[in-house]
């Protein structure tokens, strides 16, 4: 074998290698990317970090969520997580834009809120840019807030919420908007199936939320 034959074989080998790299499947190219950190996988999804930002990677090496998020909270049992868009130069947390994603990278709640949180039962709690609170189901659909009330916040129950009117008075309701206790109150503290309600100038009032009113 002469030198020219050896050179020809080397050239062909290099060309094949180069073409293979160009035509690799997207998943393979993605998995070959270098990340500063790849955190442990949970249900087929890994949190990846690079250059001060986070994203999501599946087990096939595909980016489910671009590496362009300032923060991604742990996923809930419902498979959803709160996240913060990357906003260069913003140091005030109140100016961050929060939203909610699922394990496929789908946006359930747009990234235009002051704060979002996924609760243990799968419900989504939101504070919008006007400071109002909203409560959504695990698909991002709002629970029913009765007429005369302006926002809703979570309790430690999967079925009940605290709703507030324009004067700041509160009552307890189910997620379909039905009142659970009578009257309006300054504050409501909810424990299991008992609500402890404090009204100005009055003693604590105790209501069993299993009771029909």
N, C-alpha and C. Protein backbone atom coordinates (compact mmCIF):
# COMPACT_ATOMS: atom_id res chain seq x y z
N UNK A 1 0.87 -1.19 0.00
CA UNK A 1 0.00 0.00 0.00
C UNK A 1 0.90 1.24 0.00
N UNK A 2 0.67 2.15 -0.96
CA UNK A 2 1.52 3.33 -1.01
C UNK A 2 0.94 4.47 -0.17
N UNK A 3 1.71 5.55 -0.07
CA UNK A 3 1.33 6.68 0.78
C UNK A 3 0.07 7.35 0.29
N UNK A 4 -0.10 7.37 -1.06
CA UNK A 4 -1.29 8.03 -1.60
C UNK A 4 -2.57 7.30 -1.19
N UNK A 5 -2.52 5.95 -1.18
CA UNK A 5 -3.69 5.16 -0.77
C UNK A 5 -4.03 5.41 0.69
N UNK A 6 -2.99 5.51 1.54
CA UNK A 6 -3.21 5.78 2.97
C UNK A 6 -3.85 7.14 3.16
N UNK A 7 -3.33 8.15 2.45
CA UNK A 7 -3.88 9.50 2.57
C UNK A 7 -5.34 9.52 2.12
N UNK A 8 -5.66 8.79 1.04
CA UNK A 8 -7.03 8.76 0.53
C UNK A 8 -7.98 8.16 1.57
N UNK A 9 -7.56 7.06 2.22
CA UNK A 9 -8.40 6.43 3.24
C UNK A 9 -8.61 7.35 4.44
N UNK A 10 -7.57 8.05 4.81
CA UNK A 10 -7.69 8.99 5.94
C UNK A 10 -8.68 10.09 5.61
N UNK A 11 -8.59 10.60 4.38
CA UNK A 11 -9.49 11.68 3.96
C UNK A 11 -10.94 11.20 3.95
N UNK A 12 -11.19 10.01 3.42
CA UNK A 12 -12.55 9.46 3.37
C UNK A 12 -13.10 9.28 4.79
N UNK A 13 -12.27 8.76 5.69
CA UNK A 13 -12.70 8.55 7.08
C UNK A 13 -13.08 9.87 7.74
N UNK A 14 -12.26 10.90 7.52
CA UNK A 14 -12.56 12.21 8.11
C UNK A 14 -13.84 12.80 7.54
N UNK A 15 -14.06 12.61 6.22
CA UNK A 15 -15.28 13.12 5.61
C UNK A 15 -16.52 12.44 6.16
N UNK A 16 -16.45 11.13 6.32
CA UNK A 16 -17.59 10.38 6.89
C UNK A 16 -17.89 10.85 8.31
N UNK A 17 -16.85 11.05 9.09
CA UNK A 17 -17.03 11.50 10.48
C UNK A 17 -17.67 12.88 10.52
N UNK A 18 -17.22 13.77 9.63
CA UNK A 18 -17.76 15.13 9.59
C UNK A 18 -19.22 15.12 9.18
N UNK A 19 -19.55 14.31 8.15
CA UNK A 19 -20.94 14.24 7.70
C UNK A 19 -21.84 13.63 8.76
N UNK A 20 -21.33 12.66 9.51
CA UNK A 20 -22.12 12.04 10.58
C UNK A 20 -22.46 13.06 11.64
N UNK A 21 -21.49 13.93 11.96
CA UNK A 21 -21.73 14.95 12.98
C UNK A 21 -22.79 15.94 12.52
N UNK A 22 -22.74 16.28 11.21
CA UNK A 22 -23.70 17.26 10.69
C UNK A 22 -25.12 16.70 10.69
N UNK A 23 -25.23 15.40 10.31
CA UNK A 23 -26.56 14.81 10.15
C UNK A 23 -27.02 13.98 11.34
N UNK A 24 -26.39 14.19 12.50
CA UNK A 24 -26.87 13.51 13.71
C UNK A 24 -28.30 13.93 14.01
N UNK A 25 -29.13 13.05 14.54
CA UNK A 25 -30.47 13.44 14.97
C UNK A 25 -30.40 14.57 15.99
N UNK A 26 -31.47 15.40 16.03
CA UNK A 26 -31.50 16.54 16.95
C UNK A 26 -31.25 16.09 18.38
N UNK A 27 -31.90 14.98 18.79
CA UNK A 27 -31.74 14.51 20.17
C UNK A 27 -30.29 14.22 20.49
N UNK A 28 -29.60 13.57 19.54
CA UNK A 28 -28.20 13.24 19.78
C UNK A 28 -27.35 14.49 19.86
N UNK A 29 -27.63 15.48 19.00
CA UNK A 29 -26.88 16.72 19.05
C UNK A 29 -27.10 17.43 20.39
N UNK A 30 -28.37 17.44 20.85
CA UNK A 30 -28.67 18.12 22.11
C UNK A 30 -27.97 17.45 23.27
N UNK A 31 -28.00 16.09 23.29
CA UNK A 31 -27.40 15.38 24.41
C UNK A 31 -25.89 15.58 24.44
N UNK A 32 -25.32 15.93 23.27
CA UNK A 32 -23.88 16.14 23.22
C UNK A 32 -23.47 17.53 23.68
N UNK A 33 -24.45 18.43 23.87
CA UNK A 33 -24.13 19.78 24.33
C UNK A 33 -23.49 19.73 25.70
N UNK A 34 -22.70 20.72 25.97
CA UNK A 34 -22.05 20.81 27.27
C UNK A 34 -22.85 21.73 28.18
N UNK A 35 -23.25 21.21 29.33
CA UNK A 35 -23.95 22.00 30.32
C UNK A 35 -23.05 22.14 31.54
N UNK A 36 -23.18 23.28 32.21
CA UNK A 36 -22.41 23.46 33.43
C UNK A 36 -22.84 22.45 34.49
N UNK A 37 -24.15 22.18 34.56
CA UNK A 37 -24.68 21.20 35.52
C UNK A 37 -25.88 20.50 34.91
N UNK A 38 -25.99 19.20 35.11
CA UNK A 38 -27.21 18.45 34.82
C UNK A 38 -27.63 17.78 36.12
N UNK A 39 -28.78 18.20 36.63
CA UNK A 39 -29.23 17.69 37.92
C UNK A 39 -29.96 16.37 37.74
N UNK A 40 -30.15 15.65 38.82
CA UNK A 40 -30.72 14.30 38.77
C UNK A 40 -32.10 14.31 38.10
N UNK A 41 -32.35 13.25 37.34
CA UNK A 41 -33.60 13.13 36.59
C UNK A 41 -34.75 12.74 37.50
N UNK A 42 -35.92 13.31 37.23
CA UNK A 42 -37.14 12.97 37.96
C UNK A 42 -38.24 12.69 36.95
N UNK A 43 -38.69 11.44 36.90
CA UNK A 43 -39.73 11.04 35.95
C UNK A 43 -39.38 11.41 34.52
N UNK A 44 -38.12 11.19 34.16
CA UNK A 44 -37.71 11.40 32.79
C UNK A 44 -37.34 12.82 32.42
N UNK A 45 -37.28 13.71 33.39
CA UNK A 45 -36.94 15.11 33.12
C UNK A 45 -35.79 15.54 34.02
N UNK A 46 -34.77 16.17 33.41
CA UNK A 46 -33.63 16.66 34.18
C UNK A 46 -33.57 18.18 34.09
N UNK A 47 -33.15 18.79 35.18
CA UNK A 47 -32.92 20.23 35.21
C UNK A 47 -31.49 20.49 34.77
N UNK A 48 -31.31 21.35 33.77
CA UNK A 48 -29.97 21.66 33.28
C UNK A 48 -29.68 23.13 33.49
N UNK A 49 -28.40 23.42 33.68
CA UNK A 49 -27.97 24.79 34.03
C UNK A 49 -26.77 25.18 33.19
N UNK A 50 -26.83 26.39 32.69
CA UNK A 50 -25.68 26.91 31.96
C UNK A 50 -25.74 28.43 31.94
N UNK A 51 -24.61 29.06 32.25
CA UNK A 51 -24.48 30.52 32.13
C UNK A 51 -25.58 31.26 32.89
N UNK A 52 -25.88 30.80 34.12
CA UNK A 52 -26.83 31.51 34.97
C UNK A 52 -28.29 31.25 34.66
N UNK A 53 -28.57 30.29 33.78
CA UNK A 53 -29.95 30.02 33.40
C UNK A 53 -30.25 28.53 33.49
N UNK A 54 -31.55 28.22 33.58
CA UNK A 54 -32.00 26.83 33.70
C UNK A 54 -32.88 26.45 32.52
N UNK A 55 -32.93 25.14 32.25
CA UNK A 55 -33.84 24.59 31.25
C UNK A 55 -34.19 23.16 31.64
N UNK A 56 -34.95 22.48 30.78
CA UNK A 56 -35.36 21.10 31.05
C UNK A 56 -34.92 20.20 29.90
N UNK A 57 -34.42 19.04 30.27
CA UNK A 57 -33.92 18.06 29.30
C UNK A 57 -34.61 16.73 29.57
N UNK A 58 -35.09 16.05 28.49
CA UNK A 58 -35.67 14.73 28.72
C UNK A 58 -34.61 13.65 28.57
N UNK A 59 -35.00 12.40 28.84
CA UNK A 59 -34.02 11.30 28.83
C UNK A 59 -33.48 11.00 27.43
N UNK A 60 -34.18 11.49 26.40
CA UNK A 60 -33.70 11.30 25.03
C UNK A 60 -32.68 12.36 24.64
N UNK A 61 -32.41 13.30 25.57
CA UNK A 61 -31.45 14.36 25.29
C UNK A 61 -32.06 15.55 24.59
N UNK A 62 -33.41 15.63 24.55
CA UNK A 62 -34.08 16.75 23.89
C UNK A 62 -34.40 17.84 24.91
N UNK A 63 -34.19 19.07 24.50
CA UNK A 63 -34.54 20.21 25.36
C UNK A 63 -36.05 20.41 25.33
N UNK A 64 -36.70 20.19 26.47
CA UNK A 64 -38.14 20.44 26.57
C UNK A 64 -38.40 21.92 26.79
N UNK A 65 -37.50 22.55 27.49
CA UNK A 65 -37.62 23.97 27.81
C UNK A 65 -36.25 24.60 27.58
N UNK A 66 -36.18 25.65 26.77
CA UNK A 66 -34.88 26.27 26.48
C UNK A 66 -34.17 26.71 27.76
N UNK A 67 -32.86 26.77 27.69
CA UNK A 67 -32.08 27.21 28.87
C UNK A 67 -32.14 28.73 28.92
N UNK A 68 -33.30 29.22 29.35
CA UNK A 68 -33.54 30.66 29.36
C UNK A 68 -34.42 31.06 30.54
N UNK A 69 -34.29 30.30 31.64
CA UNK A 69 -35.12 30.57 32.81
C UNK A 69 -34.24 30.82 34.03
N UNK A 70 -34.64 31.83 34.77
CA UNK A 70 -33.86 32.22 35.94
C UNK A 70 -34.04 31.24 37.09
N UNK A 71 -35.20 30.60 37.10
CA UNK A 71 -35.51 29.69 38.21
C UNK A 71 -36.60 28.72 37.77
N UNK A 72 -36.47 27.46 38.16
CA UNK A 72 -37.52 26.46 37.93
C UNK A 72 -37.70 25.70 39.23
N UNK A 73 -38.91 25.77 39.78
CA UNK A 73 -39.20 25.11 41.05
C UNK A 73 -39.31 23.58 40.84
N UNK A 74 -39.20 22.80 41.93
CA UNK A 74 -39.40 21.34 41.80
C UNK A 74 -40.79 21.02 41.29
N UNK A 75 -40.91 19.96 40.52
CA UNK A 75 -42.21 19.56 39.98
C UNK A 75 -43.09 19.00 41.09
N UNK A 76 -44.39 19.31 40.99
CA UNK A 76 -45.36 18.77 41.93
C UNK A 76 -45.73 17.35 41.52
N UNK A 77 -46.52 16.70 42.36
CA UNK A 77 -46.99 15.35 42.01
C UNK A 77 -47.92 15.39 40.80
N UNK A 78 -48.48 16.57 40.52
CA UNK A 78 -49.34 16.72 39.35
C UNK A 78 -48.52 16.93 38.07
N UNK A 79 -47.18 17.00 38.21
CA UNK A 79 -46.32 17.14 37.04
C UNK A 79 -46.19 18.56 36.53
N UNK A 80 -46.44 19.54 37.41
CA UNK A 80 -46.31 20.94 37.02
C UNK A 80 -45.31 21.64 37.94
N UNK A 81 -44.77 22.76 37.45
CA UNK A 81 -43.78 23.49 38.24
C UNK A 81 -43.86 24.97 37.93
N UNK A 82 -43.62 25.79 38.94
CA UNK A 82 -43.52 27.24 38.75
C UNK A 82 -42.12 27.55 38.24
N UNK A 83 -42.01 28.59 37.42
CA UNK A 83 -40.72 28.97 36.87
C UNK A 83 -40.67 30.49 36.68
N UNK A 84 -39.45 31.01 36.53
CA UNK A 84 -39.24 32.44 36.33
C UNK A 84 -38.47 32.66 35.03
N UNK A 85 -39.00 33.52 34.16
CA UNK A 85 -38.28 33.84 32.94
C UNK A 85 -36.98 34.57 33.27
N UNK A 86 -35.99 34.41 32.39
CA UNK A 86 -34.72 35.10 32.58
C UNK A 86 -34.85 36.54 32.11
N UNK A 87 -34.60 37.48 33.02
CA UNK A 87 -34.69 38.90 32.70
C UNK A 87 -33.37 39.56 33.04
N UNK A 88 -32.50 39.73 32.07
CA UNK A 88 -31.17 40.29 32.35
C UNK A 88 -31.25 41.65 33.04
N UNK A 89 -30.43 41.80 34.06
CA UNK A 89 -30.32 43.10 34.72
C UNK A 89 -31.33 43.33 35.82
N UNK A 90 -32.33 42.45 35.98
CA UNK A 90 -33.35 42.65 37.02
C UNK A 90 -32.86 42.03 38.33
N UNK A 91 -32.75 42.85 39.35
CA UNK A 91 -32.32 42.36 40.66
C UNK A 91 -33.45 42.41 41.68
N UNK A 92 -34.53 43.10 41.35
CA UNK A 92 -35.69 43.19 42.23
C UNK A 92 -36.62 42.02 41.94
N UNK A 93 -36.79 41.10 42.93
CA UNK A 93 -37.62 39.91 42.71
C UNK A 93 -39.05 40.25 42.31
N UNK A 94 -39.55 41.41 42.77
CA UNK A 94 -40.93 41.77 42.45
C UNK A 94 -41.12 42.07 40.97
N UNK A 95 -40.03 42.26 40.24
CA UNK A 95 -40.12 42.55 38.80
C UNK A 95 -39.97 41.30 37.95
N UNK A 96 -39.71 40.17 38.59
CA UNK A 96 -39.59 38.92 37.84
C UNK A 96 -40.92 38.52 37.22
N UNK A 97 -40.88 37.76 36.16
CA UNK A 97 -42.10 37.31 35.51
C UNK A 97 -42.22 35.80 35.68
N UNK A 98 -43.22 35.39 36.47
CA UNK A 98 -43.44 33.99 36.82
C UNK A 98 -44.51 33.37 35.93
N UNK A 99 -44.39 32.07 35.70
CA UNK A 99 -45.41 31.30 35.01
C UNK A 99 -45.37 29.87 35.51
N UNK A 100 -46.10 28.97 34.84
CA UNK A 100 -46.14 27.56 35.23
C UNK A 100 -45.99 26.69 33.98
N UNK A 101 -45.17 25.65 34.09
CA UNK A 101 -44.94 24.72 33.00
C UNK A 101 -45.27 23.31 33.46
N UNK A 102 -45.39 22.38 32.50
CA UNK A 102 -45.51 20.97 32.87
C UNK A 102 -44.26 20.22 32.39
N UNK A 103 -44.24 18.90 32.58
CA UNK A 103 -43.04 18.12 32.30
C UNK A 103 -42.71 18.02 30.81
N UNK A 104 -43.65 18.38 29.96
CA UNK A 104 -43.38 18.37 28.53
C UNK A 104 -42.84 19.71 28.04
N UNK A 105 -42.76 20.69 28.95
CA UNK A 105 -42.32 22.02 28.55
C UNK A 105 -43.47 22.92 28.15
N UNK A 106 -44.70 22.41 28.23
CA UNK A 106 -45.88 23.20 27.86
C UNK A 106 -46.13 24.29 28.90
N UNK A 107 -46.45 25.50 28.44
CA UNK A 107 -46.77 26.61 29.35
C UNK A 107 -48.24 26.55 29.73
N UNK A 108 -48.51 26.37 31.03
CA UNK A 108 -49.89 26.33 31.52
C UNK A 108 -50.35 27.72 31.96
N UNK A 109 -49.43 28.48 32.52
CA UNK A 109 -49.72 29.85 32.95
C UNK A 109 -48.68 30.76 32.31
N UNK A 110 -49.10 31.78 31.55
CA UNK A 110 -48.14 32.66 30.86
C UNK A 110 -47.17 33.33 31.84
N UNK A 111 -45.99 33.66 31.33
CA UNK A 111 -44.95 34.26 32.16
C UNK A 111 -45.13 35.77 32.24
N UNK A 112 -46.20 36.18 32.92
CA UNK A 112 -46.47 37.62 33.07
C UNK A 112 -47.01 37.93 34.46
N UNK A 113 -46.67 37.09 35.45
CA UNK A 113 -47.18 37.26 36.80
C UNK A 113 -46.08 37.66 37.77
N UNK A 114 -46.50 38.30 38.87
CA UNK A 114 -45.56 38.69 39.90
C UNK A 114 -45.04 37.47 40.66
N UNK A 115 -45.93 36.46 40.81
CA UNK A 115 -45.52 35.23 41.51
C UNK A 115 -46.49 34.11 41.16
N UNK A 116 -45.97 32.89 41.04
CA UNK A 116 -46.82 31.71 40.90
C UNK A 116 -46.28 30.60 41.80
N UNK A 117 -47.17 29.75 42.24
CA UNK A 117 -46.77 28.63 43.09
C UNK A 117 -47.68 27.45 42.79
N UNK A 118 -47.09 26.26 42.66
CA UNK A 118 -47.87 25.05 42.49
C UNK A 118 -48.02 24.39 43.86
N UNK A 119 -49.25 24.21 44.30
CA UNK A 119 -49.54 23.68 45.63
C UNK A 119 -49.49 22.16 45.64
N UNK A 120 -49.45 21.59 46.83
CA UNK A 120 -49.27 20.14 46.96
C UNK A 120 -50.39 19.35 46.29
N UNK A 121 -51.59 19.90 46.27
CA UNK A 121 -52.70 19.20 45.64
C UNK A 121 -52.77 19.38 44.13
N UNK A 122 -51.86 20.20 43.58
CA UNK A 122 -51.85 20.44 42.14
C UNK A 122 -52.44 21.77 41.73
N UNK A 123 -53.20 22.43 42.63
CA UNK A 123 -53.74 23.75 42.31
C UNK A 123 -52.60 24.74 42.12
N UNK A 124 -52.88 25.80 41.36
CA UNK A 124 -51.88 26.82 41.05
C UNK A 124 -52.31 28.15 41.66
N UNK A 125 -51.44 28.73 42.46
CA UNK A 125 -51.72 30.03 43.09
C UNK A 125 -50.93 31.11 42.34
N UNK A 126 -51.61 32.20 42.04
CA UNK A 126 -51.00 33.28 41.25
C UNK A 126 -51.19 34.62 41.94
N UNK A 127 -50.17 35.46 41.88
CA UNK A 127 -50.32 36.88 42.17
C UNK A 127 -49.99 37.61 40.87
N UNK A 128 -50.98 38.30 40.30
CA UNK A 128 -50.76 38.94 39.01
C UNK A 128 -50.02 40.26 39.17
N UNK A 129 -49.77 40.97 38.08
CA UNK A 129 -48.99 42.20 38.13
C UNK A 129 -49.72 43.32 38.85
N UNK A 130 -51.03 43.16 39.08
CA UNK A 130 -51.81 44.14 39.85
C UNK A 130 -51.91 43.77 41.32
N UNK A 131 -51.26 42.67 41.71
CA UNK A 131 -51.27 42.25 43.10
C UNK A 131 -52.48 41.42 43.49
N UNK A 132 -53.33 41.07 42.54
CA UNK A 132 -54.50 40.26 42.85
C UNK A 132 -54.13 38.78 42.85
N UNK A 133 -54.82 38.03 43.71
CA UNK A 133 -54.56 36.60 43.83
C UNK A 133 -55.60 35.81 43.04
N UNK A 134 -55.14 34.74 42.41
CA UNK A 134 -56.02 33.85 41.65
C UNK A 134 -55.64 32.42 41.96
N UNK A 135 -56.63 31.55 41.90
CA UNK A 135 -56.41 30.13 42.14
C UNK A 135 -56.89 29.35 40.92
N UNK A 136 -56.02 28.49 40.39
CA UNK A 136 -56.31 27.74 39.17
C UNK A 136 -56.19 26.25 39.44
N UNK A 137 -56.83 25.44 38.59
CA UNK A 137 -56.67 24.00 38.71
C UNK A 137 -55.34 23.59 38.09
N UNK A 138 -55.03 22.31 38.10
CA UNK A 138 -53.71 21.85 37.66
C UNK A 138 -53.51 21.95 36.15
N UNK A 139 -54.58 22.28 35.42
CA UNK A 139 -54.46 22.52 33.98
C UNK A 139 -54.38 24.01 33.66
N UNK A 140 -54.37 24.84 34.70
CA UNK A 140 -54.27 26.28 34.49
C UNK A 140 -55.59 26.99 34.28
N UNK A 141 -56.71 26.31 34.57
CA UNK A 141 -58.03 26.93 34.42
C UNK A 141 -58.49 27.51 35.75
N UNK A 142 -58.97 28.76 35.76
CA UNK A 142 -59.36 29.40 37.02
C UNK A 142 -60.55 28.71 37.69
N UNK A 143 -60.48 28.63 39.02
CA UNK A 143 -61.65 28.20 39.77
C UNK A 143 -62.69 29.33 39.74
N UNK A 144 -63.93 28.96 40.01
CA UNK A 144 -65.01 29.93 39.93
C UNK A 144 -65.00 30.85 41.16
N UNK A 145 -64.89 32.16 40.91
CA UNK A 145 -64.98 33.15 41.98
C UNK A 145 -66.35 33.81 41.86
N UNK A 146 -67.21 33.73 42.89
CA UNK A 146 -68.57 34.26 42.80
C UNK A 146 -68.59 35.77 42.52
N UNK A 147 -69.68 36.24 41.96
CA UNK A 147 -69.86 37.67 41.71
C UNK A 147 -69.72 38.44 43.02
N UNK A 148 -69.05 39.58 42.96
CA UNK A 148 -68.84 40.40 44.15
C UNK A 148 -67.50 40.14 44.82
N UNK A 149 -66.78 39.11 44.37
CA UNK A 149 -65.45 38.82 44.93
C UNK A 149 -64.40 39.04 43.83
N UNK A 150 -63.22 39.48 44.27
CA UNK A 150 -62.23 39.89 43.28
C UNK A 150 -61.02 38.97 43.19
N UNK A 151 -60.74 38.19 44.23
CA UNK A 151 -59.62 37.27 44.10
C UNK A 151 -59.80 36.05 45.00
N UNK A 152 -58.93 35.08 44.82
CA UNK A 152 -59.01 33.81 45.56
C UNK A 152 -57.62 33.37 45.95
N UNK A 153 -57.51 32.78 47.14
CA UNK A 153 -56.22 32.24 47.59
C UNK A 153 -56.46 30.86 48.18
N UNK A 154 -55.37 30.13 48.32
CA UNK A 154 -55.48 28.72 48.70
C UNK A 154 -55.59 28.52 50.19
N UNK A 155 -56.17 27.39 50.56
CA UNK A 155 -56.11 26.88 51.92
C UNK A 155 -55.26 25.61 51.86
N UNK A 156 -55.16 24.90 52.97
CA UNK A 156 -54.43 23.63 52.92
C UNK A 156 -55.35 22.48 52.51
N UNK A 157 -56.54 22.84 52.01
CA UNK A 157 -57.47 21.85 51.50
C UNK A 157 -57.40 21.81 49.98
N UNK A 158 -57.62 20.63 49.39
CA UNK A 158 -57.63 20.50 47.94
C UNK A 158 -58.96 20.96 47.35
N UNK A 159 -59.97 21.16 48.20
CA UNK A 159 -61.31 21.46 47.69
C UNK A 159 -61.80 22.86 48.01
N UNK A 160 -61.11 23.61 48.87
CA UNK A 160 -61.65 24.90 49.34
C UNK A 160 -60.66 26.03 49.10
N UNK A 161 -61.21 27.24 49.03
CA UNK A 161 -60.38 28.43 48.83
C UNK A 161 -60.95 29.59 49.63
N UNK A 162 -60.12 30.58 49.89
CA UNK A 162 -60.54 31.81 50.55
C UNK A 162 -60.76 32.86 49.48
N UNK A 163 -61.97 33.43 49.43
CA UNK A 163 -62.26 34.46 48.44
C UNK A 163 -62.43 35.80 49.14
N UNK A 164 -62.04 36.87 48.45
CA UNK A 164 -62.00 38.21 49.05
C UNK A 164 -62.77 39.18 48.17
N UNK A 165 -63.56 40.08 48.81
CA UNK A 165 -64.27 41.10 48.02
C UNK A 165 -63.44 42.38 47.92
N UNK A 166 -63.99 43.38 47.25
CA UNK A 166 -63.25 44.62 47.00
C UNK A 166 -62.92 45.38 48.29
N UNK A 167 -63.66 45.12 49.37
CA UNK A 167 -63.41 45.77 50.65
C UNK A 167 -62.42 44.99 51.51
N UNK A 168 -61.91 43.88 50.99
CA UNK A 168 -60.93 43.09 51.73
C UNK A 168 -61.54 42.09 52.69
N UNK A 169 -62.87 41.93 52.67
CA UNK A 169 -63.51 40.95 53.55
C UNK A 169 -63.52 39.58 52.87
N UNK A 170 -63.46 38.55 53.70
CA UNK A 170 -63.23 37.20 53.19
C UNK A 170 -64.30 36.22 53.64
N UNK A 171 -64.42 35.15 52.86
CA UNK A 171 -65.20 34.00 53.28
C UNK A 171 -64.58 32.76 52.65
N UNK A 172 -65.08 31.60 53.05
CA UNK A 172 -64.53 30.33 52.57
C UNK A 172 -65.50 29.75 51.55
N UNK A 173 -64.97 29.24 50.44
CA UNK A 173 -65.82 28.69 49.38
C UNK A 173 -65.18 27.44 48.78
N UNK A 174 -65.99 26.63 48.12
CA UNK A 174 -65.48 25.49 47.37
C UNK A 174 -64.93 25.99 46.04
N UNK A 175 -64.24 25.12 45.31
CA UNK A 175 -63.64 25.53 44.03
C UNK A 175 -64.67 25.83 42.95
N UNK A 176 -65.93 25.43 43.17
CA UNK A 176 -66.97 25.78 42.21
C UNK A 176 -67.76 27.00 42.67
N UNK A 177 -67.23 27.73 43.68
CA UNK A 177 -67.79 29.02 44.07
C UNK A 177 -68.90 28.99 45.09
N UNK A 178 -69.13 27.87 45.76
CA UNK A 178 -70.20 27.78 46.76
C UNK A 178 -69.65 28.12 48.15
N UNK A 179 -70.37 28.99 48.87
CA UNK A 179 -69.94 29.39 50.21
C UNK A 179 -69.95 28.20 51.15
N UNK A 180 -68.96 28.17 52.04
CA UNK A 180 -68.84 27.07 53.00
C UNK A 180 -69.24 27.53 54.39
N UNK A 181 -68.98 28.78 54.72
CA UNK A 181 -69.35 29.33 56.03
C UNK A 181 -70.15 30.61 55.80
N UNK A 182 -71.01 30.99 56.75
CA UNK A 182 -71.82 32.19 56.57
C UNK A 182 -71.03 33.45 56.90
N UNK A 183 -71.40 34.57 56.27
CA UNK A 183 -70.82 35.86 56.63
C UNK A 183 -69.50 36.17 55.97
N UNK A 184 -69.02 37.40 56.25
CA UNK A 184 -67.74 37.88 55.75
C UNK A 184 -66.85 38.25 56.93
N UNK A 185 -65.55 38.06 56.78
CA UNK A 185 -64.64 38.22 57.91
C UNK A 185 -63.35 38.92 57.48
N UNK A 186 -62.68 39.51 58.47
CA UNK A 186 -61.42 40.21 58.20
C UNK A 186 -60.31 39.22 57.83
N UNK A 187 -60.27 38.11 58.53
CA UNK A 187 -59.25 37.10 58.27
C UNK A 187 -59.85 35.71 58.43
N UNK A 188 -59.34 34.77 57.69
CA UNK A 188 -59.74 33.38 57.83
C UNK A 188 -58.49 32.52 57.91
N UNK A 189 -58.40 31.73 58.96
CA UNK A 189 -57.30 30.77 59.11
C UNK A 189 -57.91 29.39 59.03
N UNK A 190 -57.39 28.59 58.11
CA UNK A 190 -58.04 27.31 57.81
C UNK A 190 -57.18 26.15 58.29
N UNK A 191 -57.77 25.29 59.11
CA UNK A 191 -57.07 24.10 59.60
C UNK A 191 -57.93 22.87 59.32
N UNK A 192 -57.45 22.02 58.45
CA UNK A 192 -58.11 20.76 58.14
C UNK A 192 -59.59 21.00 57.83
N UNK A 193 -60.50 20.40 58.60
CA UNK A 193 -61.93 20.60 58.31
C UNK A 193 -62.56 21.65 59.22
N UNK A 194 -61.72 22.38 59.96
CA UNK A 194 -62.24 23.43 60.84
C UNK A 194 -61.66 24.77 60.42
N UNK A 195 -62.52 25.77 60.23
CA UNK A 195 -62.06 27.12 59.95
C UNK A 195 -62.11 27.94 61.23
N UNK A 196 -61.01 28.60 61.56
CA UNK A 196 -61.00 29.52 62.70
C UNK A 196 -61.04 30.92 62.11
N UNK A 197 -62.15 31.62 62.32
CA UNK A 197 -62.39 32.89 61.68
C UNK A 197 -62.29 34.01 62.71
N UNK A 198 -61.49 35.03 62.39
CA UNK A 198 -61.34 36.17 63.29
C UNK A 198 -62.00 37.38 62.65
N UNK A 199 -62.94 37.98 63.37
CA UNK A 199 -63.58 39.22 62.93
C UNK A 199 -63.22 40.33 63.90
N UNK A 200 -63.11 41.55 63.39
CA UNK A 200 -62.71 42.67 64.23
C UNK A 200 -63.64 42.83 65.42
N UNK A 201 -63.04 42.98 66.62
CA UNK A 201 -63.82 43.23 67.83
C UNK A 201 -64.58 42.02 68.32
N UNK A 202 -64.33 40.84 67.74
CA UNK A 202 -65.05 39.66 68.18
C UNK A 202 -64.07 38.56 68.56
N UNK A 203 -64.57 37.61 69.31
CA UNK A 203 -63.75 36.44 69.62
C UNK A 203 -63.65 35.56 68.38
N UNK A 204 -62.75 34.57 68.46
CA UNK A 204 -62.63 33.62 67.36
C UNK A 204 -63.95 32.87 67.19
N UNK A 205 -64.31 32.62 65.96
CA UNK A 205 -65.48 31.81 65.67
C UNK A 205 -65.01 30.55 64.97
N UNK A 206 -65.57 29.42 65.36
CA UNK A 206 -65.14 28.12 64.82
C UNK A 206 -66.27 27.54 63.99
N UNK A 207 -65.93 27.11 62.79
CA UNK A 207 -66.92 26.49 61.92
C UNK A 207 -66.38 25.15 61.44
N UNK A 208 -67.25 24.16 61.47
CA UNK A 208 -66.90 22.89 60.83
C UNK A 208 -67.32 22.98 59.37
N UNK A 209 -66.35 22.84 58.48
CA UNK A 209 -66.67 22.97 57.06
C UNK A 209 -67.35 21.71 56.50
N UNK A 210 -67.52 20.70 57.34
CA UNK A 210 -68.28 19.53 56.90
C UNK A 210 -69.78 19.77 57.07
N UNK A 211 -70.11 20.87 57.74
CA UNK A 211 -71.51 21.18 58.01
C UNK A 211 -72.11 21.96 56.85
N UNK A 212 -73.34 21.72 56.53
CA UNK A 212 -74.03 22.47 55.47
C UNK A 212 -74.59 23.75 56.04
N UNK A 213 -74.49 24.83 55.28
CA UNK A 213 -75.02 26.13 55.74
C UNK A 213 -76.05 26.62 54.75
